[in-house]
């Protein structure tokens, strides 16, 4: 076991670090429409669409 950690210790640490980063990104970004980042982009696109229509004088049909 000690020999394995001597040879592959840095590789194991790198893999665990990459997995941790992926996990943190998944928690922050999320994977459905309830995530903070999804809501921010959704609001940004909706506001842009509304402002573009208002500037062009177009009233969107409801």
Protein backbone atom coordinates (compact mmCIF):
# COMPACT_ATOMS: atom_id res chain seq x y z
CA UNK A 1 0.00 0.00 0.00
CA UNK A 2 2.84 2.35 0.85
CA UNK A 3 4.44 1.60 -2.51
CA UNK A 4 1.23 2.50 -4.35
CA UNK A 5 1.05 5.88 -2.61
CA UNK A 6 4.72 6.56 -3.34
CA UNK A 7 4.24 5.91 -7.07
CA UNK A 8 0.71 7.20 -7.64
CA UNK A 9 0.16 9.64 -4.76
CA UNK A 10 0.32 12.80 -6.86
CA UNK A 11 -1.98 11.31 -9.49
CA UNK A 12 -4.53 10.26 -6.87
CA UNK A 13 -4.46 13.74 -5.34
CA UNK A 14 -4.92 15.35 -8.78
CA UNK A 15 -7.90 13.11 -9.60
CA UNK A 16 -9.52 13.85 -6.24
CA UNK A 17 -8.99 17.59 -6.76
CA UNK A 18 -10.59 17.45 -10.21
CA UNK A 19 -13.56 15.52 -8.84
CA UNK A 20 -13.94 18.08 -6.03
CA UNK A 21 -13.87 20.99 -8.49
CA UNK A 22 -16.51 19.32 -10.67
CA UNK A 23 -18.65 18.73 -7.59
CA UNK A 24 -18.39 22.35 -6.46
CA UNK A 25 -19.23 23.65 -9.94
CA UNK A 26 -22.24 21.35 -10.11
CA UNK A 27 -23.47 22.64 -6.74
CA UNK A 28 -23.06 26.28 -7.74
CA UNK A 29 -24.43 26.04 -11.27
CA UNK A 30 -26.94 23.30 -10.61
CA UNK A 31 -28.58 21.12 -13.18
CA UNK A 32 -32.18 22.30 -13.29
CA UNK A 33 -34.20 25.50 -13.48
CA UNK A 34 -33.99 26.15 -9.72
CA UNK A 35 -30.27 26.92 -9.71
CA UNK A 36 -28.97 30.42 -9.07
CA UNK A 37 -27.03 30.64 -12.34
CA UNK A 38 -29.98 29.39 -14.42
CA UNK A 39 -32.27 31.98 -12.84
CA UNK A 40 -29.74 34.77 -13.48
CA UNK A 41 -29.36 33.88 -17.16
CA UNK A 42 -33.10 33.40 -17.56
CA UNK A 43 -33.79 36.84 -16.09
CA UNK A 44 -31.03 38.38 -18.21
CA UNK A 45 -32.47 36.98 -21.44
CA UNK A 46 -36.04 37.90 -20.50
CA UNK A 47 -35.03 41.48 -19.60
CA UNK A 48 -33.06 41.82 -22.84
CA UNK A 49 -36.03 40.57 -24.87
CA UNK A 50 -38.42 42.93 -23.08
CA UNK A 51 -36.10 45.92 -23.49
CA UNK A 52 -35.44 45.14 -27.15
CA UNK A 53 -39.17 44.94 -27.85
CA UNK A 54 -39.82 48.18 -25.96
CA UNK A 55 -37.04 49.99 -27.86
CA UNK A 56 -38.45 48.75 -31.18
CA UNK A 57 -41.97 49.74 -30.18
CA UNK A 58 -43.24 46.17 -30.33
CA UNK A 59 -45.79 44.99 -27.76
CA UNK A 60 -45.53 41.23 -27.37
CA UNK A 61 -48.77 39.31 -27.49
CA UNK A 62 -49.64 37.62 -24.21
